[in-house]
Amino acid sequence: MIASYRIAMVVLITMAGSLPLRAQFGSTPPEDSTREKNSDHRPGTGFLLVSKKGGTLIFSPFATIRYLNSKGIKDSYTDVGGQTHDVAQRDDIQFQKVTLYFKGWLFTPKFRYFTYVWTSNANQGQGAQVVVAGNLQYEINKHFDVGAGIGALPTSRSLYGQWPLWLRQDARPMAEEYFRGSFTTGVWLQGEIVNGLYYKTMLGNNLSQLGVDAGQLDDGFNTWSTALWHTTGDFGRLGPFGDFEKHASLATIVGGSFTRSNETRQSQPGTDAPENSQIRLSDGTGIFGLNALAPNSQVQEAKYEMASFNGGIKYKGFSFDAEYFIRWVSKFTTTGVIPVSRLKDNGFSMQASAIVVNKLLQVYAVGSYINGQYGYPSELNFGLNFHPFKNRVFRINPEVIFSNHSPVGYYSYPTVVGAKGTIYMINLELFY
């Protein structure tokens, strides 16, 4: 247990999905398109345990169960260097994730706190299986909201804060998982510039602090990420995916992000970390690994830069979302000689959904492609969301995945590095 709590820094993150932006700081979900108009309860509002003049305390549980069958993928893959790696096939059921949120405000509703206990049972026995974390925020006005603690770098749309209101249950599209940053300790400023135009800018320790203690961090506070997005037609400030609300008029979102960070070999999470956000080549090789780019060499330091651009529409139960990514990795410090001075990869993801039965059944498809210097992985996902109580508090989510040389993967993610073939999963999700 000591190892697991070593992470008040590791803390983070793992929520393979980010926490709802407002919920991160102790308030209830915002009054936008995330609301459940025809139900008695909105997910994430939880149970009000204490309410008095000096503050509030709300408890909200989140839990998922996942059956995963990846016996349809090949049992090995060969990287661009000609090395063959074994690929683990799975056929198991996990009480996948439990998160216990404690949130509210103190002294004034403008000063909010958010703490949580998180466990990823697919990572039983690892040091970061159990996480305790949180953050604080003070809202000056709607234009300036200041936060500090564990937070999501807004490198891509799924990190704006709408989790778990995704089409897939707790899994991003492959391309986004490959390019994005993650969670770290830092400070941030966010708010609404003018009606419908939002921003978040954050300065943090590194791209992903999971599995990294304070002594492993470099001595430069230089990880910076900024996002700017605009919504219309009651799309929702946080940009949730899918049109569960069946908008009567067209709703849109358009946005973009830019992130830069100086990363070191020590500051990267291990390959078995619950949320493995290492900088990788497009064949799945971590760039800080021994002999990753050439024999008898190893990258010690590198500069990461990534830009993303996203857009989406919702109309009468239909939704379509797309995101484009471009990433540069440069300024290498190495032992030995490597054949490149800069890496440049790009790629995209697309997601489409439709409500088949109002408030009850949704179908979706997700596609990803990466145009990399070391391979061209792709992935297709088809699934459905069944809401038996006609709200987003509980859902059943079966999905089939067709993976083609996945460059990303870890135990709490449905695919593994090098996966080629078919994967099936069924998820149960509760968010009260």
Protein backbone atom coordinates (compact mmCIF):
# COMPACT_ATOMS: atom_id res chain seq x y z
CA MET A 1 0.00 0.00 0.00
CA ILE A 2 2.88 2.38 0.66
CA ALA A 3 3.96 2.00 -2.94
CA SER A 4 0.47 2.78 -4.14
CA TYR A 5 0.18 5.94 -2.14
CA ARG A 6 3.64 7.08 -3.12
CA ILE A 7 1.76 8.89 -5.77
CA ALA A 8 0.17 11.79 -4.48
CA MET A 9 2.09 12.74 -7.56
CA VAL A 10 1.39 9.72 -9.51
CA VAL A 11 -1.91 10.41 -8.50
CA LEU A 12 -3.10 11.40 -11.28
CA ILE A 13 -4.08 10.70 -13.87
CA THR A 14 -5.11 7.67 -14.77
CA MET A 15 -8.44 8.28 -15.32
CA ALA A 16 -8.11 7.35 -18.80
CA GLY A 17 -10.61 9.84 -19.20
CA SER A 18 -10.51 13.18 -17.85
CA LEU A 19 -12.82 14.31 -15.08
CA PRO A 20 -15.70 16.63 -15.91
CA LEU A 21 -14.14 20.09 -15.90
CA ARG A 22 -16.56 21.67 -13.47
CA ALA A 23 -16.80 18.49 -11.43
CA GLN A 24 -13.03 18.56 -11.07
CA PHE A 25 -13.43 21.53 -8.81
CA GLY A 26 -16.32 20.44 -6.71
CA SER A 27 -19.36 21.88 -8.44
CA THR A 28 -22.13 19.99 -10.15
CA PRO A 29 -22.04 19.45 -13.91
CA PRO A 30 -22.69 22.66 -15.84
CA GLU A 31 -26.13 23.52 -17.11
CA ASP A 32 -25.46 22.66 -20.72
CA SER A 33 -26.21 19.78 -23.04
CA THR A 34 -24.98 17.28 -20.44
CA ARG A 35 -28.25 17.72 -18.54
CA GLU A 36 -30.79 14.94 -18.47
CA LYS A 37 -34.00 16.78 -19.32
CA ASN A 38 -36.32 13.81 -18.80
CA SER A 39 -34.79 12.17 -15.73
CA ASP A 40 -34.67 12.75 -12.01
CA HIS A 41 -30.90 12.70 -11.71
CA ARG A 42 -27.94 14.06 -13.66
CA PRO A 43 -24.77 11.91 -13.63
CA GLY A 44 -22.05 13.32 -11.41
CA THR A 45 -24.32 15.31 -9.08
CA GLY A 46 -24.08 12.52 -6.52
CA PHE A 47 -25.38 12.64 -2.95
CA LEU A 48 -25.41 15.87 -0.95
CA LEU A 49 -23.96 14.81 2.43
CA VAL A 50 -23.40 18.21 4.05
CA SER A 51 -24.84 21.63 3.27
CA LYS A 52 -24.39 24.54 5.64
CA LYS A 53 -23.39 28.17 5.70
CA GLY A 54 -19.65 27.42 5.58
CA GLY A 55 -19.66 24.91 2.74
CA THR A 56 -20.91 21.70 1.14
CA LEU A 57 -19.80 18.09 0.70
CA ILE A 58 -21.03 15.95 -2.19
CA PHE A 59 -20.22 12.27 -2.70
CA SER A 60 -20.40 10.78 -6.21
CA PRO A 61 -19.45 7.19 -7.15
CA PHE A 62 -18.25 5.99 -10.55
CA ALA A 63 -17.77 2.29 -11.38
CA THR A 64 -17.27 0.17 -14.47
CA ILE A 65 -17.17 -3.54 -15.26
CA ARG A 66 -15.50 -4.73 -18.46
CA TYR A 67 -15.39 -8.07 -20.26
CA LEU A 68 -12.54 -8.08 -22.78
CA ASN A 69 -11.73 -10.72 -25.39
CA SER A 70 -8.62 -10.06 -27.50
CA LYS A 71 -7.94 -13.64 -28.58
CA GLY A 72 -8.63 -12.53 -32.14
CA ILE A 73 -5.36 -10.57 -32.41
CA LYS A 74 -2.01 -11.95 -33.54
CA ASP A 75 0.28 -13.13 -30.73
CA SER A 76 3.32 -11.15 -31.91
CA TYR A 77 4.42 -8.20 -34.02
CA THR A 78 7.66 -7.01 -35.59
CA ASP A 79 8.79 -3.40 -35.18
CA VAL A 80 10.59 -1.37 -37.84
CA GLY A 81 13.93 -2.39 -36.40
CA GLY A 82 13.15 -6.04 -37.16
CA GLN A 83 12.65 -7.10 -33.53
CA THR A 84 9.74 -9.41 -32.74
CA HIS A 85 7.63 -8.75 -29.64
CA ASP A 86 5.06 -10.97 -27.96
CA VAL A 87 1.51 -9.61 -27.75
CA ALA A 88 -0.61 -10.61 -24.77
CA GLN A 89 -4.06 -11.98 -25.63
CA ARG A 90 -6.78 -11.61 -23.01
CA ASP A 91 -10.10 -13.22 -22.19
CA ASP A 92 -11.21 -11.91 -18.79
CA ILE A 93 -13.69 -9.83 -16.86
CA GLN A 94 -12.61 -7.01 -14.54
CA PHE A 95 -14.33 -4.77 -12.04
CA GLN A 96 -12.47 -2.30 -14.18
CA LYS A 97 -12.51 0.98 -12.32
CA VAL A 98 -13.91 2.52 -9.15
CA THR A 99 -13.70 6.23 -8.40
CA LEU A 100 -15.06 7.87 -5.26
CA TYR A 101 -15.47 11.64 -5.63
CA PHE A 102 -15.71 14.05 -2.70
CA LYS A 103 -16.34 17.62 -3.75
CA GLY A 104 -17.99 20.89 -2.80
CA TRP A 105 -17.19 24.46 -1.78
CA LEU A 106 -15.79 26.13 1.33
CA PHE A 107 -16.34 29.66 2.71
CA THR A 108 -17.80 30.86 -0.62
CA PRO A 109 -19.23 29.01 -3.65
CA LYS A 110 -16.42 30.59 -5.67
CA PHE A 111 -13.82 28.48 -3.80
CA ARG A 112 -14.25 24.83 -4.79
CA TYR A 113 -12.42 21.67 -3.86
CA PHE A 114 -12.35 18.30 -5.55
CA THR A 115 -10.73 15.12 -4.18
CA TYR A 116 -11.01 11.51 -5.24
CA VAL A 117 -9.90 7.96 -4.53
CA TRP A 118 -9.36 5.99 -7.72
CA THR A 119 -8.52 2.36 -8.38
CA SER A 120 -7.89 0.50 -11.64
CA ASN A 121 -8.39 -3.18 -10.95
CA ALA A 122 -6.95 -4.22 -14.31
CA ASN A 123 -3.63 -3.09 -12.76
CA GLN A 124 -3.83 -5.24 -9.62
CA GLY A 125 -0.44 -5.47 -7.94
CA GLN A 126 1.09 -2.40 -9.60
CA GLY A 127 2.26 0.60 -7.63
CA ALA A 128 -0.30 2.98 -9.13
CA GLN A 129 -3.35 0.75 -8.81
CA VAL A 130 -4.74 3.02 -6.07
CA VAL A 131 -4.59 6.79 -6.42
CA VAL A 132 -5.57 9.61 -4.07
CA ALA A 133 -5.65 13.08 -5.62
CA GLY A 134 -7.50 16.33 -6.21
CA ASN A 135 -7.31 20.05 -6.89
CA LEU A 136 -8.62 23.46 -5.85
CA GLN A 137 -10.18 26.27 -7.88
CA TYR A 138 -11.34 29.83 -7.35
CA GLU A 139 -13.71 31.53 -9.80
CA ILE A 140 -12.95 35.25 -10.03
CA ASN A 141 -15.68 35.68 -12.63
CA LYS A 142 -16.89 33.79 -15.68
CA HIS A 143 -13.83 34.97 -17.63
CA PHE A 144 -11.18 33.93 -15.09
CA ASP A 145 -11.26 30.67 -13.16
CA VAL A 146 -7.95 29.76 -11.47
CA GLY A 147 -7.03 26.19 -10.51
CA ALA A 148 -4.09 24.30 -9.00
CA GLY A 149 -3.41 20.63 -8.36
CA ILE A 150 -3.88 17.57 -10.55
CA GLY A 151 -5.37 18.52 -13.90
CA ALA A 152 -5.71 17.49 -17.52
CA LEU A 153 -3.49 19.17 -20.09
CA PRO A 154 -6.04 20.37 -22.72
CA THR A 155 -4.11 18.79 -25.59
CA SER A 156 -7.17 17.35 -27.34
CA ARG A 157 -10.94 17.55 -27.15
CA SER A 158 -11.48 14.60 -24.79
CA LEU A 159 -9.35 16.48 -22.25
CA TYR A 160 -11.64 19.54 -22.21
CA GLY A 161 -13.46 17.84 -19.33
CA GLN A 162 -16.54 16.05 -20.68
CA TRP A 163 -15.55 12.54 -19.53
CA PRO A 164 -17.33 10.14 -19.21
CA LEU A 165 -19.75 11.56 -21.79
CA TRP A 166 -17.95 9.80 -24.64
CA LEU A 167 -19.32 7.40 -27.25
CA ARG A 168 -16.88 4.67 -26.17
CA GLN A 169 -16.82 3.70 -22.53
CA ASP A 170 -13.57 5.00 -21.01
CA ALA A 171 -11.49 4.66 -24.18
CA ARG A 172 -10.34 7.36 -26.58
CA PRO A 173 -9.88 6.81 -30.33
CA MET A 174 -6.50 5.23 -31.08
CA ALA A 175 -5.10 8.30 -32.87
CA GLU A 176 -5.95 10.63 -30.00
CA GLU A 177 -4.44 8.20 -27.49
CA TYR A 178 -1.22 8.22 -29.52
CA PHE A 179 -0.81 11.98 -29.90
CA ARG A 180 -2.29 13.48 -26.72
CA GLY A 181 -0.76 14.64 -23.48
CA SER A 182 -2.17 13.49 -20.17
CA PHE A 183 -2.55 14.59 -16.53
CA THR A 184 0.00 16.33 -14.38
CA THR A 185 0.35 18.63 -11.40
CA GLY A 186 0.16 22.30 -12.35
CA VAL A 187 -1.74 25.57 -12.40
CA TRP A 188 -4.32 26.71 -14.93
CA LEU A 189 -6.63 29.50 -16.00
CA GLN A 190 -9.90 28.96 -17.83
CA GLY A 191 -13.14 30.71 -18.60
CA GLU A 192 -15.48 32.16 -21.22
CA ILE A 193 -13.99 34.96 -23.33
CA VAL A 194 -17.24 36.00 -25.00
CA ASN A 195 -20.53 34.18 -25.42
CA GLY A 196 -19.76 30.62 -26.58
CA LEU A 197 -15.96 31.07 -26.80
CA TYR A 198 -14.00 29.20 -24.11
CA TYR A 199 -10.35 28.68 -23.22
CA LYS A 200 -8.08 26.77 -20.88
CA THR A 201 -4.34 27.29 -20.49
CA MET A 202 -2.19 25.21 -18.16
CA LEU A 203 1.42 25.13 -16.95
CA GLY A 204 2.49 21.76 -15.53
CA ASN A 205 5.36 19.50 -14.51
CA ASN A 206 5.42 17.22 -17.56
CA LEU A 207 3.17 15.49 -20.10
CA SER A 208 2.20 12.68 -17.73
CA GLN A 209 3.14 12.44 -14.09
CA LEU A 210 1.81 8.91 -13.66
CA GLY A 211 4.43 6.60 -12.16
CA VAL A 212 6.94 9.45 -11.79
CA ASP A 213 8.16 10.64 -8.40
CA ALA A 214 9.35 14.19 -7.71
CA GLY A 215 13.02 13.17 -7.97
CA GLN A 216 12.53 11.89 -11.50
CA LEU A 217 11.10 15.15 -12.84
CA ASP A 218 13.45 17.41 -14.75
CA ASP A 219 14.33 20.80 -13.28
CA GLY A 220 12.33 22.81 -15.84
CA PHE A 221 8.72 23.85 -15.24
CA ASN A 222 8.14 24.03 -18.99
CA THR A 223 5.09 21.96 -19.97
CA TRP A 224 2.44 24.28 -21.39
CA SER A 225 -0.87 23.54 -23.08
CA THR A 226 -3.64 25.86 -24.29
CA ALA A 227 -7.02 25.14 -25.86
CA LEU A 228 -9.57 27.47 -27.45
CA TRP A 229 -13.02 26.33 -28.61
CA HIS A 230 -16.36 27.78 -29.66
CA THR A 231 -19.80 26.20 -29.38
CA THR A 232 -23.21 27.12 -30.76
CA GLY A 233 -26.77 25.85 -30.45
CA ASP A 234 -26.59 24.52 -26.87
CA PHE A 235 -23.76 22.15 -27.78
CA GLY A 236 -22.48 22.33 -24.22
CA ARG A 237 -19.44 24.13 -22.87
CA LEU A 238 -17.43 20.94 -22.42
CA GLY A 239 -18.31 19.47 -25.80
CA PRO A 240 -19.77 16.06 -24.86
CA PHE A 241 -19.87 13.48 -27.66
CA GLY A 242 -23.08 12.17 -29.20
CA ASP A 243 -26.51 13.79 -29.41
CA PHE A 244 -28.24 12.04 -26.51
CA GLU A 245 -30.44 15.15 -26.12
CA LYS A 246 -31.64 15.12 -29.78
CA HIS A 247 -31.07 18.80 -30.58
CA ALA A 248 -33.97 20.29 -32.54
CA SER A 249 -31.61 22.78 -34.21
CA LEU A 250 -28.03 22.40 -35.37
CA ALA A 251 -25.38 22.59 -32.62
CA THR A 252 -21.67 22.90 -33.41
CA ILE A 253 -18.21 22.96 -31.86
CA VAL A 254 -14.89 23.99 -33.37
CA GLY A 255 -11.61 24.26 -31.49
CA GLY A 256 -7.89 23.72 -31.34
CA SER A 257 -5.01 23.14 -28.94
CA PHE A 258 -1.24 23.55 -28.81
CA THR A 259 1.09 21.84 -26.35
CA ARG A 260 4.85 21.86 -25.80
CA SER A 261 7.03 20.10 -23.25
CA ASN A 262 10.66 19.20 -22.66
CA GLU A 263 10.64 15.52 -21.69
CA THR A 264 13.36 13.30 -20.25
CA ARG A 265 13.79 9.56 -20.10
CA GLN A 266 13.21 9.53 -16.34
CA SER A 267 10.00 11.55 -16.61
CA GLN A 268 8.21 8.98 -18.78
CA PRO A 269 5.79 6.45 -17.26
CA GLY A 270 6.64 2.76 -17.55
CA THR A 271 5.18 0.59 -20.27
CA ASP A 272 2.81 -1.12 -17.84
CA ALA A 273 1.53 2.10 -16.25
CA PRO A 274 -2.29 2.33 -16.07
CA GLU A 275 -2.28 5.26 -18.47
CA ASN A 276 0.77 4.84 -20.66
CA SER A 277 1.19 8.22 -22.33
CA GLN A 278 4.77 7.78 -23.43
CA ILE A 279 6.01 9.50 -26.55
CA ARG A 280 6.08 6.71 -29.10
CA LEU A 281 7.06 6.00 -32.66
CA SER A 282 4.17 5.01 -34.89
CA ASP A 283 5.17 1.32 -34.62
CA GLY A 284 4.59 1.53 -30.87
CA THR A 285 8.22 1.82 -29.76
CA GLY A 286 8.81 4.27 -26.91
CA ILE A 287 11.39 6.80 -28.02
CA PHE A 288 13.23 6.69 -24.69
CA GLY A 289 13.77 2.93 -24.89
CA LEU A 290 17.23 1.49 -25.38
CA ASN A 291 18.05 1.16 -29.12
CA ALA A 292 14.66 2.64 -30.04
CA LEU A 293 15.98 4.67 -32.99
CA ALA A 294 19.32 2.98 -33.68
CA PRO A 295 21.58 0.26 -32.27
CA ASN A 296 23.74 1.25 -29.28
CA SER A 297 21.81 4.46 -28.67
CA GLN A 298 19.21 5.91 -26.32
CA VAL A 299 17.30 9.19 -26.27
CA GLN A 300 17.76 10.99 -22.95
CA GLU A 301 15.87 14.23 -23.64
CA ALA A 302 13.48 15.49 -26.33
CA LYS A 303 11.13 18.38 -27.06
CA TYR A 304 7.47 17.49 -27.70
CA GLU A 305 5.14 19.81 -29.63
CA MET A 306 1.60 18.92 -30.71
CA ALA A 307 -1.28 20.79 -32.33
CA SER A 308 -4.81 19.48 -32.67
CA PHE A 309 -7.90 20.82 -34.44
CA ASN A 310 -11.41 19.55 -33.84
CA GLY A 311 -14.97 20.11 -35.00
CA GLY A 312 -18.35 18.54 -34.42
CA ILE A 313 -22.07 18.80 -35.09
CA LYS A 314 -25.26 17.54 -33.41
CA TYR A 315 -28.72 17.45 -34.92
CA LYS A 316 -31.85 15.44 -34.14
CA GLY A 317 -29.98 12.54 -32.53
CA PHE A 318 -27.14 12.41 -35.05
CA SER A 319 -23.58 13.52 -34.32
CA PHE A 320 -20.33 13.70 -36.23
CA ASP A 321 -16.95 14.68 -34.77
CA ALA A 322 -13.46 14.82 -36.25
CA GLU A 323 -10.04 15.74 -34.91
CA TYR A 324 -6.71 16.21 -36.69
CA PHE A 325 -3.34 15.94 -34.95
CA ILE A 326 0.19 16.91 -35.87
CA ARG A 327 3.17 16.22 -33.61
CA TRP A 328 6.84 17.18 -33.71
CA VAL A 329 9.56 15.63 -31.53
CA SER A 330 12.95 17.33 -31.76
CA LYS A 331 16.03 18.63 -29.92
CA PHE A 332 17.22 15.14 -28.98
CA THR A 333 19.93 14.59 -26.41
CA THR A 334 21.22 11.04 -26.86
CA THR A 335 23.85 8.51 -26.00
CA GLY A 336 25.14 7.14 -29.30
CA VAL A 337 24.08 8.33 -32.74
CA ILE A 338 20.51 8.32 -34.07
CA PRO A 339 19.55 8.78 -37.75
CA VAL A 340 16.95 11.54 -37.25
CA SER A 341 17.00 15.09 -35.92
CA ARG A 342 13.21 15.48 -35.83
CA LEU A 343 10.13 13.27 -35.91
CA LYS A 344 6.92 14.49 -37.53
CA ASP A 345 3.70 12.47 -37.41
CA ASN A 346 0.10 13.38 -38.17
CA GLY A 347 -3.23 11.63 -38.04
CA PHE A 348 -6.94 11.94 -37.42
CA SER A 349 -9.96 10.40 -35.75
CA MET A 350 -13.63 10.51 -36.75
CA GLN A 351 -16.69 9.59 -34.68
CA ALA A 352 -20.31 9.29 -35.78
CA SER A 353 -23.41 8.30 -33.81
CA ALA A 354 -27.18 8.10 -34.06
CA ILE A 355 -29.98 7.72 -31.54
CA VAL A 356 -32.05 4.73 -32.69
CA VAL A 357 -34.53 4.74 -29.80
CA ASN A 358 -34.95 8.03 -27.95
CA LYS A 359 -33.08 8.07 -24.58
CA LEU A 360 -32.59 4.32 -24.85
CA LEU A 361 -30.35 3.11 -27.69
CA GLN A 362 -27.47 4.77 -29.53
CA VAL A 363 -25.20 3.28 -32.21
CA TYR A 364 -21.76 4.64 -33.14
CA ALA A 365 -18.67 4.15 -35.28
CA VAL A 366 -15.14 5.45 -34.66
CA GLY A 367 -12.18 5.50 -37.05
CA SER A 368 -8.51 6.40 -36.55
CA TYR A 369 -5.46 6.67 -38.78
CA ILE A 370 -1.84 7.70 -38.12
CA ASN A 371 0.54 8.80 -40.86
CA GLY A 372 3.83 8.14 -39.08
CA GLN A 373 7.49 7.91 -39.99
CA TYR A 374 7.59 4.34 -38.65
CA GLY A 375 4.27 2.91 -39.78
CA TYR A 376 0.66 3.65 -40.65
CA PRO A 377 -1.58 2.15 -37.94
CA SER A 378 -5.35 2.36 -38.15
CA GLU A 379 -8.41 1.24 -36.21
CA LEU A 380 -12.18 0.90 -36.63
CA ASN A 381 -14.67 0.60 -33.76
CA PHE A 382 -18.38 -0.20 -33.88
CA GLY A 383 -20.58 -0.21 -30.81
CA LEU A 384 -23.81 0.74 -29.16
CA ASN A 385 -24.90 2.34 -25.89
CA PHE A 386 -28.00 0.98 -24.16
CA HIS A 387 -29.44 3.20 -21.40
CA PRO A 388 -32.03 1.03 -19.60
CA PHE A 389 -33.09 3.87 -17.27
CA LYS A 390 -33.27 6.39 -20.12
CA ASN A 391 -30.53 8.62 -18.72
CA ARG A 392 -26.74 8.67 -18.66
CA VAL A 393 -26.38 7.44 -15.09
CA PHE A 394 -26.07 3.80 -16.25
CA ARG A 395 -25.25 2.27 -19.63
CA ILE A 396 -24.36 -1.03 -21.26
CA ASN A 397 -21.75 -0.68 -23.99
CA PRO A 398 -20.74 -3.59 -26.29
CA GLU A 399 -18.08 -2.83 -28.92
CA VAL A 400 -16.04 -4.60 -31.58
CA ILE A 401 -12.58 -3.26 -32.47
CA PHE A 402 -10.67 -3.91 -35.70
CA SER A 403 -7.09 -2.96 -34.90
CA ASN A 404 -4.27 -2.68 -37.41
CA HIS A 405 -0.87 -2.45 -35.66
CA SER A 406 -1.96 -0.38 -32.67
CA PRO A 407 0.90 1.85 -31.43
CA VAL A 408 -0.75 2.33 -28.01
CA GLY A 409 -2.06 0.13 -25.24
CA TYR A 410 -2.00 -0.68 -21.53
CA TYR A 411 -3.97 -2.89 -19.14
CA SER A 412 -6.91 -0.55 -18.60
CA TYR A 413 -7.15 0.25 -22.34
CA PRO A 414 -8.86 -2.31 -24.62
CA THR A 415 -5.89 -2.75 -26.99
CA VAL A 416 -2.19 -3.42 -26.50
CA VAL A 417 0.84 -2.18 -28.41
CA GLY A 418 1.19 -4.11 -31.67
CA ALA A 419 -2.39 -5.41 -31.70
CA LYS A 420 -3.55 -6.60 -35.14
CA GLY A 421 -6.91 -8.30 -35.39
CA THR A 422 -10.33 -8.26 -33.75
CA ILE A 423 -11.15 -7.40 -30.13
CA TYR A 424 -14.52 -7.61 -28.39
CA MET A 425 -15.60 -5.94 -25.18
CA ILE A 426 -18.74 -5.32 -23.15
CA ASN A 427 -18.82 -2.52 -20.57
CA LEU A 428 -21.20 -1.65 -17.75
CA GLU A 429 -20.87 1.91 -16.46
CA LEU A 430 -22.43 3.63 -13.42
CA PHE A 431 -21.89 7.35 -12.76
CA TYR A 432 -24.20 8.73 -10.10
